[in-house]
Full PDB file with SEQRES, HELIX, SHEET, SSBOND, CRYST1, ORIGX, SCALE, CONECT and MASTER records, all heavy atoms in Angstrom:
SEQRES   1 A   43  LEU ASP VAL THR ARG ALA ASP PRO ALA ALA LEU ALA PHE          
SEQRES   2 A   43  GLY SER GLY PRO HIS VAL CYS LEU GLY ALA ALA LEU THR          
SEQRES   3 A   43  ARG MET GLU ALA GLU VAL VAL LEU ARG LYS MET LEU SER          
SEQRES   4 A   43  ARG TRP PRO GLU                                              
HELIX    1 AA1 GLY A   16  HIS A   18  5                                   3    
HELIX    2 AA2 ALA A   23  ARG A   40  1                                  18    
CRYST1    1.000    1.000    1.000  90.00  90.00  90.00 P 1           1          
ORIGX1      1.000000  0.000000  0.000000        0.00000                         
ORIGX2      0.000000  1.000000  0.000000        0.00000                         
ORIGX3      0.000000  0.000000  1.000000        0.00000                         
SCALE1      1.000000  0.000000  0.000000        0.00000                         
SCALE2      0.000000  1.000000  0.000000        0.00000                         
SCALE3      0.000000  0.000000  1.000000        0.00000                         
ATOM      1  N   LEU A   1      -1.588  10.336  -3.876  1.00  0.00           N  
ATOM      2  CA  LEU A   1      -0.799   9.280  -4.522  1.00  0.00           C  
ATOM      3  C   LEU A   1       0.368   9.953  -5.245  1.00  0.00           C  
ATOM      4  O   LEU A   1       0.121  10.760  -6.111  1.00  0.00           O  
ATOM      5  CB  LEU A   1      -1.602   8.441  -5.396  1.00  0.00           C  
ATOM      6  CG  LEU A   1      -0.772   7.324  -6.064  1.00  0.00           C  
ATOM      7  CD1 LEU A   1      -0.361   6.256  -4.980  1.00  0.00           C  
ATOM      8  CD2 LEU A   1      -1.657   6.633  -7.158  1.00  0.00           C  
ATOM      9  N   ASP A   2       1.583   9.589  -4.929  1.00  0.00           N  
ATOM     10  CA  ASP A   2       2.762  10.170  -5.574  1.00  0.00           C  
ATOM     11  C   ASP A   2       3.808   9.007  -5.740  1.00  0.00           C  
ATOM     12  O   ASP A   2       4.523   8.620  -4.847  1.00  0.00           O  
ATOM     13  CB  ASP A   2       3.353  11.226  -4.674  1.00  0.00           C  
ATOM     14  CG  ASP A   2       4.589  11.920  -5.338  1.00  0.00           C  
ATOM     15  OD1 ASP A   2       4.988  11.499  -6.473  1.00  0.00           O  
ATOM     16  OD2 ASP A   2       5.246  12.687  -4.622  1.00  0.00           O  
ATOM     17  N   VAL A   3       3.821   8.431  -6.988  1.00  0.00           N  
ATOM     18  CA  VAL A   3       4.703   7.338  -7.251  1.00  0.00           C  
ATOM     19  C   VAL A   3       6.188   7.729  -7.211  1.00  0.00           C  
ATOM     20  O   VAL A   3       7.078   6.821  -7.291  1.00  0.00           O  
ATOM     21  CB  VAL A   3       4.350   6.633  -8.532  1.00  0.00           C  
ATOM     22  CG1 VAL A   3       2.945   6.062  -8.421  1.00  0.00           C  
ATOM     23  CG2 VAL A   3       4.534   7.546  -9.767  1.00  0.00           C  
ATOM     24  N   THR A   4       6.508   9.029  -7.164  1.00  0.00           N  
ATOM     25  CA  THR A   4       7.912   9.534  -7.040  1.00  0.00           C  
ATOM     26  C   THR A   4       8.253   9.765  -5.540  1.00  0.00           C  
ATOM     27  O   THR A   4       9.303  10.262  -5.309  1.00  0.00           O  
ATOM     28  CB  THR A   4       8.085  10.769  -7.871  1.00  0.00           C  
ATOM     29  OG1 THR A   4       7.350  11.879  -7.234  1.00  0.00           O  
ATOM     30  CG2 THR A   4       7.612  10.550  -9.274  1.00  0.00           C  
ATOM     31  N   ARG A   5       7.389   9.533  -4.660  1.00  0.00           N  
ATOM     32  CA  ARG A   5       7.632   9.824  -3.225  1.00  0.00           C  
ATOM     33  C   ARG A   5       8.955   9.165  -2.825  1.00  0.00           C  
ATOM     34  O   ARG A   5       9.132   7.942  -3.025  1.00  0.00           O  
ATOM     35  CB  ARG A   5       6.501   9.293  -2.360  1.00  0.00           C  
ATOM     36  CG  ARG A   5       6.487   9.884  -0.951  1.00  0.00           C  
ATOM     37  CD  ARG A   5       5.322   9.334  -0.149  1.00  0.00           C  
ATOM     38  NE  ARG A   5       3.997   9.831  -0.648  1.00  0.00           N  
ATOM     39  CZ  ARG A   5       3.399  10.905  -0.224  1.00  0.00           C  
ATOM     40  NH1 ARG A   5       4.030  11.694   0.706  1.00  0.00           N  
ATOM     41  NH2 ARG A   5       2.261  11.264  -0.744  1.00  0.00           N  
ATOM     42  N   ALA A   6       9.821   9.913  -2.204  1.00  0.00           N  
ATOM     43  CA  ALA A   6      11.098   9.442  -1.930  1.00  0.00           C  
ATOM     44  C   ALA A   6      11.174   8.326  -0.861  1.00  0.00           C  
ATOM     45  O   ALA A   6      11.988   7.346  -1.017  1.00  0.00           O  
ATOM     46  CB  ALA A   6      12.051  10.594  -1.429  1.00  0.00           C  
ATOM     47  N   ASP A   7      10.315   8.363   0.153  1.00  0.00           N  
ATOM     48  CA  ASP A   7      10.378   7.430   1.265  1.00  0.00           C  
ATOM     49  C   ASP A   7       9.009   7.062   1.726  1.00  0.00           C  
ATOM     50  O   ASP A   7       8.582   7.578   2.747  1.00  0.00           O  
ATOM     51  CB  ASP A   7      11.254   7.969   2.415  1.00  0.00           C  
ATOM     52  CG  ASP A   7      11.393   6.984   3.529  1.00  0.00           C  
ATOM     53  OD1 ASP A   7      11.248   5.803   3.321  1.00  0.00           O  
ATOM     54  OD2 ASP A   7      11.647   7.442   4.657  1.00  0.00           O  
ATOM     55  N   PRO A   8       8.265   6.184   1.011  1.00  0.00           N  
ATOM     56  CA  PRO A   8       6.907   5.831   1.451  1.00  0.00           C  
ATOM     57  C   PRO A   8       6.874   5.206   2.801  1.00  0.00           C  
ATOM     58  O   PRO A   8       5.981   5.448   3.561  1.00  0.00           O  
ATOM     59  CB  PRO A   8       6.505   4.857   0.304  1.00  0.00           C  
ATOM     60  CG  PRO A   8       7.326   5.144  -0.833  1.00  0.00           C  
ATOM     61  CD  PRO A   8       8.628   5.574  -0.295  1.00  0.00           C  
ATOM     62  N   ALA A   9       7.860   4.342   3.114  1.00  0.00           N  
ATOM     63  CA  ALA A   9       8.002   3.731   4.444  1.00  0.00           C  
ATOM     64  C   ALA A   9       6.660   3.240   4.999  1.00  0.00           C  
ATOM     65  O   ALA A   9       6.242   3.540   6.104  1.00  0.00           O  
ATOM     66  CB  ALA A   9       8.584   4.728   5.393  1.00  0.00           C  
ATOM     67  N   ALA A  10       5.929   2.469   4.147  1.00  0.00           N  
ATOM     68  CA  ALA A  10       4.616   2.018   4.499  1.00  0.00           C  
ATOM     69  C   ALA A  10       4.746   0.940   5.652  1.00  0.00           C  
ATOM     70  O   ALA A  10       5.723   0.185   5.694  1.00  0.00           O  
ATOM     71  CB  ALA A  10       3.884   1.457   3.365  1.00  0.00           C  
ATOM     72  N   LEU A  11       3.707   0.833   6.444  1.00  0.00           N  
ATOM     73  CA  LEU A  11       3.590  -0.165   7.504  1.00  0.00           C  
ATOM     74  C   LEU A  11       2.697  -1.279   6.993  1.00  0.00           C  
ATOM     75  O   LEU A  11       2.175  -2.098   7.801  1.00  0.00           O  
ATOM     76  CB  LEU A  11       3.074   0.374   8.779  1.00  0.00           C  
ATOM     77  CG  LEU A  11       4.057   1.388   9.526  1.00  0.00           C  
ATOM     78  CD1 LEU A  11       3.314   2.030  10.701  1.00  0.00           C  
ATOM     79  CD2 LEU A  11       5.259   0.585   9.977  1.00  0.00           C  
ATOM     80  N   ALA A  12       2.420  -1.390   5.669  1.00  0.00           N  
ATOM     81  CA  ALA A  12       1.469  -2.381   5.191  1.00  0.00           C  
ATOM     82  C   ALA A  12       1.843  -3.796   5.551  1.00  0.00           C  
ATOM     83  O   ALA A  12       0.937  -4.664   5.702  1.00  0.00           O  
ATOM     84  CB  ALA A  12       1.392  -2.224   3.632  1.00  0.00           C  
ATOM     85  N   PHE A  13       3.170  -4.047   5.680  1.00  0.00           N  
ATOM     86  CA  PHE A  13       3.567  -5.397   5.987  1.00  0.00           C  
ATOM     87  C   PHE A  13       3.906  -5.576   7.465  1.00  0.00           C  
ATOM     88  O   PHE A  13       4.569  -6.517   7.890  1.00  0.00           O  
ATOM     89  CB  PHE A  13       4.810  -5.814   5.148  1.00  0.00           C  
ATOM     90  CG  PHE A  13       4.436  -5.974   3.701  1.00  0.00           C  
ATOM     91  CD1 PHE A  13       5.084  -5.159   2.714  1.00  0.00           C  
ATOM     92  CD2 PHE A  13       3.513  -6.898   3.263  1.00  0.00           C  
ATOM     93  CE1 PHE A  13       4.771  -5.321   1.390  1.00  0.00           C  
ATOM     94  CE2 PHE A  13       3.255  -7.026   1.911  1.00  0.00           C  
ATOM     95  CZ  PHE A  13       3.868  -6.272   0.953  1.00  0.00           C  
ATOM     96  N   GLY A  14       3.542  -4.563   8.250  1.00  0.00           N  
ATOM     97  CA  GLY A  14       3.831  -4.556   9.653  1.00  0.00           C  
ATOM     98  C   GLY A  14       5.277  -4.044   9.949  1.00  0.00           C  
ATOM     99  O   GLY A  14       5.871  -3.408   9.130  1.00  0.00           O  
ATOM    100  N   SER A  15       5.756  -4.414  11.128  1.00  0.00           N  
ATOM    101  CA  SER A  15       7.094  -3.980  11.546  1.00  0.00           C  
ATOM    102  C   SER A  15       7.511  -4.839  12.706  1.00  0.00           C  
ATOM    103  O   SER A  15       6.635  -5.525  13.357  1.00  0.00           O  
ATOM    104  CB  SER A  15       7.129  -2.503  12.019  1.00  0.00           C  
ATOM    105  OG  SER A  15       8.389  -2.017  12.248  1.00  0.00           O  
ATOM    106  N   GLY A  16       8.753  -4.858  13.053  1.00  0.00           N  
ATOM    107  CA  GLY A  16       9.227  -5.680  14.179  1.00  0.00           C  
ATOM    108  C   GLY A  16       9.268  -7.156  13.842  1.00  0.00           C  
ATOM    109  O   GLY A  16       9.328  -7.557  12.726  1.00  0.00           O  
ATOM    110  N   PRO A  17       9.267  -8.006  14.877  1.00  0.00           N  
ATOM    111  CA  PRO A  17       9.399  -9.429  14.691  1.00  0.00           C  
ATOM    112  C   PRO A  17       8.421 -10.104  13.740  1.00  0.00           C  
ATOM    113  O   PRO A  17       8.766 -11.051  13.066  1.00  0.00           O  
ATOM    114  CB  PRO A  17       9.336 -10.039  16.123  1.00  0.00           C  
ATOM    115  CG  PRO A  17       9.614  -8.884  16.993  1.00  0.00           C  
ATOM    116  CD  PRO A  17       9.059  -7.637  16.353  1.00  0.00           C  
ATOM    117  N   HIS A  18       7.201  -9.575  13.707  1.00  0.00           N  
ATOM    118  CA  HIS A  18       6.162 -10.119  12.900  1.00  0.00           C  
ATOM    119  C   HIS A  18       6.045  -9.475  11.521  1.00  0.00           C  
ATOM    120  O   HIS A  18       4.998  -9.757  10.814  1.00  0.00           O  
ATOM    121  CB  HIS A  18       4.843 -10.094  13.592  1.00  0.00           C  
ATOM    122  CG  HIS A  18       4.609 -11.155  14.591  1.00  0.00           C  
ATOM    123  ND1 HIS A  18       4.009 -12.403  14.304  1.00  0.00           N  
ATOM    124  CD2 HIS A  18       4.992 -11.317  15.911  1.00  0.00           C  
ATOM    125  CE1 HIS A  18       3.992 -13.142  15.331  1.00  0.00           C  
ATOM    126  NE2 HIS A  18       4.550 -12.549  16.377  1.00  0.00           N  
ATOM    127  N   VAL A  19       7.006  -8.717  11.100  1.00  0.00           N  
ATOM    128  CA  VAL A  19       6.874  -8.103   9.761  1.00  0.00           C  
ATOM    129  C   VAL A  19       6.707  -9.301   8.753  1.00  0.00           C  
ATOM    130  O   VAL A  19       7.282 -10.376   8.870  1.00  0.00           O  
ATOM    131  CB  VAL A  19       8.167  -7.318   9.401  1.00  0.00           C  
ATOM    132  CG1 VAL A  19       9.416  -8.198   9.266  1.00  0.00           C  
ATOM    133  CG2 VAL A  19       7.929  -6.539   8.141  1.00  0.00           C  
ATOM    134  N   CYS A  20       5.898  -9.086   7.766  1.00  0.00           N  
ATOM    135  CA  CYS A  20       5.447 -10.117   6.812  1.00  0.00           C  
ATOM    136  C   CYS A  20       6.654 -10.780   6.161  1.00  0.00           C  
ATOM    137  O   CYS A  20       7.464 -10.164   5.483  1.00  0.00           O  
ATOM    138  CB  CYS A  20       4.518  -9.486   5.717  1.00  0.00           C  
ATOM    139  SG  CYS A  20       3.972 -10.719   4.495  1.00  0.00           S  
ATOM    140  N   LEU A  21       6.780 -12.093   6.318  1.00  0.00           N  
ATOM    141  CA  LEU A  21       7.919 -12.787   5.712  1.00  0.00           C  
ATOM    142  C   LEU A  21       7.850 -12.860   4.204  1.00  0.00           C  
ATOM    143  O   LEU A  21       8.871 -13.047   3.553  1.00  0.00           O  
ATOM    144  CB  LEU A  21       8.163 -14.147   6.361  1.00  0.00           C  
ATOM    145  CG  LEU A  21       7.068 -15.192   6.284  1.00  0.00           C  
ATOM    146  CD1 LEU A  21       7.096 -15.979   4.961  1.00  0.00           C  
ATOM    147  CD2 LEU A  21       7.296 -16.203   7.410  1.00  0.00           C  
ATOM    148  N   GLY A  22       6.659 -12.757   3.691  1.00  0.00           N  
ATOM    149  CA  GLY A  22       6.506 -12.757   2.186  1.00  0.00           C  
ATOM    150  C   GLY A  22       6.419 -11.374   1.538  1.00  0.00           C  
ATOM    151  O   GLY A  22       6.016 -11.291   0.402  1.00  0.00           O  
ATOM    152  N   ALA A  23       6.855 -10.379   2.236  1.00  0.00           N  
ATOM    153  CA  ALA A  23       6.736  -8.965   1.680  1.00  0.00           C  
ATOM    154  C   ALA A  23       7.433  -8.848   0.387  1.00  0.00           C  
ATOM    155  O   ALA A  23       6.927  -8.236  -0.512  1.00  0.00           O  
ATOM    156  CB  ALA A  23       7.267  -7.989   2.732  1.00  0.00           C  
ATOM    157  N   ALA A  24       8.649  -9.360   0.225  1.00  0.00           N  
ATOM    158  CA  ALA A  24       9.487  -9.177  -0.988  1.00  0.00           C  
ATOM    159  C   ALA A  24       8.842  -9.913  -2.121  1.00  0.00           C  
ATOM    160  O   ALA A  24       8.775  -9.467  -3.258  1.00  0.00           O  
ATOM    161  CB  ALA A  24      10.913  -9.746  -0.729  1.00  0.00           C  
ATOM    162  N   LEU A  25       8.225 -11.109  -1.848  1.00  0.00           N  
ATOM    163  CA  LEU A  25       7.507 -11.862  -2.874  1.00  0.00           C  
ATOM    164  C   LEU A  25       6.290 -11.070  -3.360  1.00  0.00           C  
ATOM    165  O   LEU A  25       5.997 -11.003  -4.559  1.00  0.00           O  
ATOM    166  CB  LEU A  25       7.079 -13.253  -2.408  1.00  0.00           C  
ATOM    167  CG  LEU A  25       6.276 -14.136  -3.337  1.00  0.00           C  
ATOM    168  CD1 LEU A  25       7.051 -14.326  -4.630  1.00  0.00           C  
ATOM    169  CD2 LEU A  25       5.958 -15.419  -2.681  1.00  0.00           C  
ATOM    170  N   THR A  26       5.567 -10.531  -2.446  1.00  0.00           N  
ATOM    171  CA  THR A  26       4.296  -9.783  -2.770  1.00  0.00           C  
ATOM    172  C   THR A  26       4.734  -8.575  -3.622  1.00  0.00           C  
ATOM    173  O   THR A  26       4.029  -8.291  -4.673  1.00  0.00           O  
ATOM    174  CB  THR A  26       3.575  -9.309  -1.554  1.00  0.00           C  
ATOM    175  OG1 THR A  26       3.064 -10.443  -0.813  1.00  0.00           O  
ATOM    176  CG2 THR A  26       2.396  -8.372  -1.864  1.00  0.00           C  
ATOM    177  N   ARG A  27       5.719  -7.810  -3.313  1.00  0.00           N  
ATOM    178  CA  ARG A  27       6.190  -6.681  -4.067  1.00  0.00           C  
ATOM    179  C   ARG A  27       6.623  -7.159  -5.445  1.00  0.00           C  
ATOM    180  O   ARG A  27       6.351  -6.465  -6.455  1.00  0.00           O  
ATOM    181  CB  ARG A  27       7.311  -5.977  -3.348  1.00  0.00           C  
ATOM    182  CG  ARG A  27       6.865  -5.154  -2.154  1.00  0.00           C  
ATOM    183  CD  ARG A  27       7.947  -4.160  -1.704  1.00  0.00           C  
ATOM    184  NE  ARG A  27       9.173  -4.836  -1.337  1.00  0.00           N  
ATOM    185  CZ  ARG A  27       9.543  -5.201  -0.119  1.00  0.00           C  
ATOM    186  NH1 ARG A  27       8.700  -4.984   0.875  1.00  0.00           N  
ATOM    187  NH2 ARG A  27      10.660  -5.797   0.125  1.00  0.00           N  
ATOM    188  N   MET A  28       7.297  -8.272  -5.531  1.00  0.00           N  
ATOM    189  CA  MET A  28       7.742  -8.731  -6.800  1.00  0.00           C  
ATOM    190  C   MET A  28       6.625  -9.056  -7.748  1.00  0.00           C  
ATOM    191  O   MET A  28       6.607  -8.681  -8.912  1.00  0.00           O  
ATOM    192  CB  MET A  28       8.621 -10.069  -6.652  1.00  0.00           C  
ATOM    193  CG  MET A  28       9.076 -10.659  -7.949  1.00  0.00           C  
ATOM    194  SD  MET A  28       9.873 -12.254  -7.728  1.00  0.00           S  
ATOM    195  CE  MET A  28      11.328 -11.832  -6.785  1.00  0.00           C  
ATOM    196  N   GLU A  29       5.581  -9.678  -7.219  1.00  0.00           N  
ATOM    197  CA  GLU A  29       4.375  -9.929  -8.092  1.00  0.00           C  
ATOM    198  C   GLU A  29       3.705  -8.756  -8.550  1.00  0.00           C  
ATOM    199  O   GLU A  29       3.378  -8.614  -9.664  1.00  0.00           O  
ATOM    200  CB  GLU A  29       3.403 -10.829  -7.181  1.00  0.00           C  
ATOM    201  CG  GLU A  29       3.857 -12.281  -6.945  1.00  0.00           C  
ATOM    202  CD  GLU A  29       2.932 -13.065  -6.090  1.00  0.00           C  
ATOM    203  OE1 GLU A  29       1.822 -13.248  -6.594  1.00  0.00           O  
ATOM    204  OE2 GLU A  29       3.272 -13.391  -4.925  1.00  0.00           O  
ATOM    205  N   ALA A  30       3.649  -7.753  -7.620  1.00  0.00           N  
ATOM    206  CA  ALA A  30       2.981  -6.457  -8.004  1.00  0.00           C  
ATOM    207  C   ALA A  30       3.833  -5.789  -9.091  1.00  0.00           C  
ATOM    208  O   ALA A  30       3.238  -5.167 -10.031  1.00  0.00           O  
ATOM    209  CB  ALA A  30       2.787  -5.604  -6.786  1.00  0.00           C  
ATOM    210  N   GLU A  31       5.123  -5.743  -8.921  1.00  0.00           N  
ATOM    211  CA  GLU A  31       5.975  -5.087  -9.903  1.00  0.00           C  
ATOM    212  C   GLU A  31       5.833  -5.701 -11.256  1.00  0.00           C  
ATOM    213  O   GLU A  31       5.784  -5.041 -12.271  1.00  0.00           O  
ATOM    214  CB  GLU A  31       7.457  -5.140  -9.411  1.00  0.00           C  
ATOM    215  CG  GLU A  31       7.681  -4.226  -8.237  1.00  0.00           C  
ATOM    216  CD  GLU A  31       9.131  -4.558  -7.603  1.00  0.00           C  
ATOM    217  OE1 GLU A  31       9.932  -5.131  -8.260  1.00  0.00           O  
ATOM    218  OE2 GLU A  31       9.314  -4.107  -6.451  1.00  0.00           O  
ATOM    219  N   VAL A  32       5.807  -7.086 -11.338  1.00  0.00           N  
ATOM    220  CA  VAL A  32       5.693  -7.776 -12.610  1.00  0.00           C  
ATOM    221  C   VAL A  32       4.381  -7.392 -13.261  1.00  0.00           C  
ATOM    222  O   VAL A  32       4.319  -7.131 -14.492  1.00  0.00           O  
ATOM    223  CB  VAL A  32       5.882  -9.205 -12.424  1.00  0.00           C  
ATOM    224  CG1 VAL A  32       5.454 -10.011 -13.743  1.00  0.00           C  
ATOM    225  CG2 VAL A  32       7.279  -9.661 -12.016  1.00  0.00           C  
ATOM    226  N   VAL A  33       3.307  -7.507 -12.504  1.00  0.00           N  
ATOM    227  CA  VAL A  33       1.992  -7.265 -13.103  1.00  0.00           C  
ATOM    228  C   VAL A  33       1.896  -5.774 -13.606  1.00  0.00           C  
ATOM    229  O   VAL A  33       1.402  -5.529 -14.690  1.00  0.00           O  
ATOM    230  CB  VAL A  33       0.876  -7.482 -12.010  1.00  0.00           C  
ATOM    231  CG1 VAL A  33      -0.478  -7.004 -12.548  1.00  0.00           C  
ATOM    232  CG2 VAL A  33       0.750  -8.977 -11.713  1.00  0.00           C  
ATOM    233  N   LEU A  34       2.372  -4.795 -12.805  1.00  0.00           N  
ATOM    234  CA  LEU A  34       2.291  -3.381 -13.208  1.00  0.00           C  
ATOM    235  C   LEU A  34       3.151  -3.188 -14.507  1.00  0.00           C  
ATOM    236  O   LEU A  34       2.709  -2.492 -15.453  1.00  0.00           O  
ATOM    237  CB  LEU A  34       2.802  -2.494 -12.074  1.00  0.00           C  
ATOM    238  CG  LEU A  34       1.794  -2.098 -11.003  1.00  0.00           C  
ATOM    239  CD1 LEU A  34       2.494  -1.121 -10.031  1.00  0.00           C  
ATOM    240  CD2 LEU A  34       0.589  -1.444 -11.649  1.00  0.00           C  
ATOM    241  N   ARG A  35       4.324  -3.783 -14.536  1.00  0.00           N  
ATOM    242  CA  ARG A  35       5.197  -3.582 -15.674  1.00  0.00           C  
ATOM    243  C   ARG A  35       4.545  -4.123 -16.956  1.00  0.00           C  
ATOM    244  O   ARG A  35       4.540  -3.451 -17.993  1.00  0.00           O  
ATOM    245  CB  ARG A  35       6.526  -4.225 -15.416  1.00  0.00           C  
ATOM    246  CG  ARG A  35       7.584  -3.893 -16.538  1.00  0.00           C  
ATOM    247  CD  ARG A  35       8.982  -4.397 -16.224  1.00  0.00           C  
ATOM    248  NE  ARG A  35       9.003  -5.870 -16.187  1.00  0.00           N  
ATOM    249  CZ  ARG A  35       9.103  -6.637 -15.167  1.00  0.00           C  
ATOM    250  NH1 ARG A  35       9.142  -6.039 -13.956  1.00  0.00           N  
ATOM    251  NH2 ARG A  35       9.217  -7.907 -15.199  1.00  0.00           N  
ATOM    252  N   LYS A  36       3.949  -5.320 -16.798  1.00  0.00           N  
ATOM    253  CA  LYS A  36       3.369  -5.931 -18.014  1.00  0.00           C  
ATOM    254  C   LYS A  36       2.052  -5.216 -18.445  1.00  0.00           C  
ATOM    255  O   LYS A  36       1.782  -5.076 -19.637  1.00  0.00           O  
ATOM    256  CB  LYS A  36       3.088  -7.383 -17.780  1.00  0.00           C  
ATOM    257  CG  LYS A  36       4.381  -8.173 -17.671  1.00  0.00           C  
ATOM    258  CD  LYS A  36       4.265  -9.629 -17.653  1.00  0.00           C  
ATOM    259  CE  LYS A  36       5.576 -10.399 -17.549  1.00  0.00           C  
ATOM    260  NZ  LYS A  36       6.259 -10.177 -18.898  1.00  0.00           N  
ATOM    261  N   MET A  37       1.242  -4.746 -17.509  1.00  0.00           N  
ATOM    262  CA  MET A  37       0.057  -4.007 -17.820  1.00  0.00           C  
ATOM    263  C   MET A  37       0.399  -2.719 -18.492  1.00  0.00           C  
ATOM    264  O   MET A  37      -0.225  -2.269 -19.527  1.00  0.00           O  
ATOM    265  CB  MET A  37      -0.806  -3.718 -16.593  1.00  0.00           C  
ATOM    266  CG  MET A  37      -1.501  -5.014 -16.064  1.00  0.00           C  
ATOM    267  SD  MET A  37      -2.740  -4.685 -14.799  1.00  0.00           S  
ATOM    268  CE  MET A  37      -1.887  -3.611 -13.657  1.00  0.00           C  
ATOM    269  N   LEU A  38       1.387  -2.015 -17.990  1.00  0.00           N  
ATOM    270  CA  LEU A  38       1.732  -0.679 -18.617  1.00  0.00           C  
ATOM    271  C   LEU A  38       2.308  -0.923 -20.001  1.00  0.00           C  
ATOM    272  O   LEU A  38       2.103  -0.050 -20.881  1.00  0.00           O  
ATOM    273  CB  LEU A  38       2.836  -0.033 -17.704  1.00  0.00           C  
ATOM    274  CG  LEU A  38       2.334   0.546 -16.400  1.00  0.00           C  
ATOM    275  CD1 LEU A  38       3.464   0.705 -15.362  1.00  0.00           C  
ATOM    276  CD2 LEU A  38       1.643   1.866 -16.671  1.00  0.00           C  
ATOM    277  N   SER A  39       2.899  -2.091 -20.226  1.00  0.00           N  
ATOM    278  CA  SER A  39       3.476  -2.317 -21.572  1.00  0.00           C  
ATOM    279  C   SER A  39       2.341  -2.733 -22.517  1.00  0.00           C  
ATOM    280  O   SER A  39       2.271  -2.278 -23.703  1.00  0.00           O  
ATOM    281  CB  SER A  39       4.512  -3.464 -21.467  1.00  0.00           C  
ATOM    282  OG  SER A  39       4.904  -3.852 -22.770  1.00  0.00           O  
ATOM    283  N   ARG A  40       1.425  -3.602 -22.039  1.00  0.00           N  
ATOM    284  CA  ARG A  40       0.358  -4.047 -22.963  1.00  0.00           C  
ATOM    285  C   ARG A  40      -0.791  -3.094 -23.060  1.00  0.00           C  
ATOM    286  O   ARG A  40      -1.446  -3.040 -24.050  1.00  0.00           O  
ATOM    287  CB  ARG A  40      -0.163  -5.379 -22.323  1.00  0.00           C  
ATOM    288  CG  ARG A  40       0.713  -6.575 -22.450  1.00  0.00           C  
ATOM    289  CD  ARG A  40       0.080  -7.723 -21.720  1.00  0.00           C  
ATOM    290  NE  ARG A  40       0.826  -8.956 -21.764  1.00  0.00           N  
ATOM    291  CZ  ARG A  40       0.441 -10.037 -22.397  1.00  0.00           C  
ATOM    292  NH1 ARG A  40      -0.776 -10.127 -22.899  1.00  0.00           N  
ATOM    293  NH2 ARG A  40       1.158 -11.174 -22.367  1.00  0.00           N  
ATOM    294  N   TRP A  41      -0.997  -2.326 -21.987  1.00  0.00           N  
ATOM    295  CA  TRP A  41      -2.168  -1.390 -21.957  1.00  0.00           C  
ATOM    296  C   TRP A  41      -1.663   0.058 -21.825  1.00  0.00           C  
ATOM    297  O   TRP A  41      -1.879   0.683 -20.742  1.00  0.00           O  
ATOM    298  CB  TRP A  41      -3.074  -1.721 -20.773  1.00  0.00           C  
ATOM    299  CG  TRP A  41      -3.560  -3.089 -20.687  1.00  0.00           C  
ATOM    300  CD1 TRP A  41      -3.520  -4.101 -21.675  1.00  0.00           C  
ATOM    301  CD2 TRP A  41      -4.120  -3.800 -19.549  1.00  0.00           C  
ATOM    302  NE1 TRP A  41      -3.976  -5.287 -21.247  1.00  0.00           N  
ATOM    303  CE2 TRP A  41      -4.360  -5.096 -19.949  1.00  0.00           C  
ATOM    304  CE3 TRP A  41      -4.378  -3.332 -18.296  1.00  0.00           C  
ATOM    305  CZ2 TRP A  41      -4.896  -6.044 -19.009  1.00  0.00           C  
ATOM    306  CZ3 TRP A  41      -4.928  -4.293 -17.370  1.00  0.00           C  
ATOM    307  CH2 TRP A  41      -5.242  -5.641 -17.770  1.00  0.00           C  
ATOM    308  N   PRO A  42      -1.024   0.608 -22.781  1.00  0.00           N  
ATOM    309  CA  PRO A  42      -0.498   1.984 -22.702  1.00  0.00           C  
ATOM    310  C   PRO A  42      -1.623   3.002 -22.402  1.00  0.00           C  
ATOM    311  O   PRO A  42      -1.421   4.028 -21.707  1.00  0.00           O  
ATOM    312  CB  PRO A  42       0.168   2.203 -24.070  1.00  0.00           C  
ATOM    313  CG  PRO A  42      -0.437   1.243 -24.976  1.00  0.00           C  
ATOM    314  CD  PRO A  42      -0.689   0.035 -24.139  1.00  0.00           C  
ATOM    315  N   GLU A  43      -2.841   2.671 -22.932  1.00  0.00           N  
ATOM    316  CA  GLU A  43      -3.913   3.590 -22.538  1.00  0.00           C  
ATOM    317  C   GLU A  43      -4.639   2.989 -21.291  1.00  0.00           C  
ATOM    318  O   GLU A  43      -4.893   1.838 -21.237  1.00  0.00           O  
ATOM    319  CB  GLU A  43      -4.969   3.519 -23.716  1.00  0.00           C  
ATOM    320  CG  GLU A  43      -4.417   4.117 -25.026  1.00  0.00           C  
ATOM    321  CD  GLU A  43      -4.060   5.575 -24.911  1.00  0.00           C  
ATOM    322  OE1 GLU A  43      -4.796   6.291 -24.138  1.00  0.00           O  
ATOM    323  OE2 GLU A  43      -3.076   6.005 -25.492  1.00  0.00           O  
TER     324      GLU A  43                                                      
MASTER        0    0    0    2    0    0    0    6  323    1    0    4          
END                                                                             
């Protein structure tokens, strides 16, 4: 695991015509949760 990886290019949301239409929303939710946990739970 390397959170500084320059180009993760994951296929987690698929690719092509069926790429997950809610991918951006899912990432947004994860970003908010991580940011708030890191702020509230420094340990």
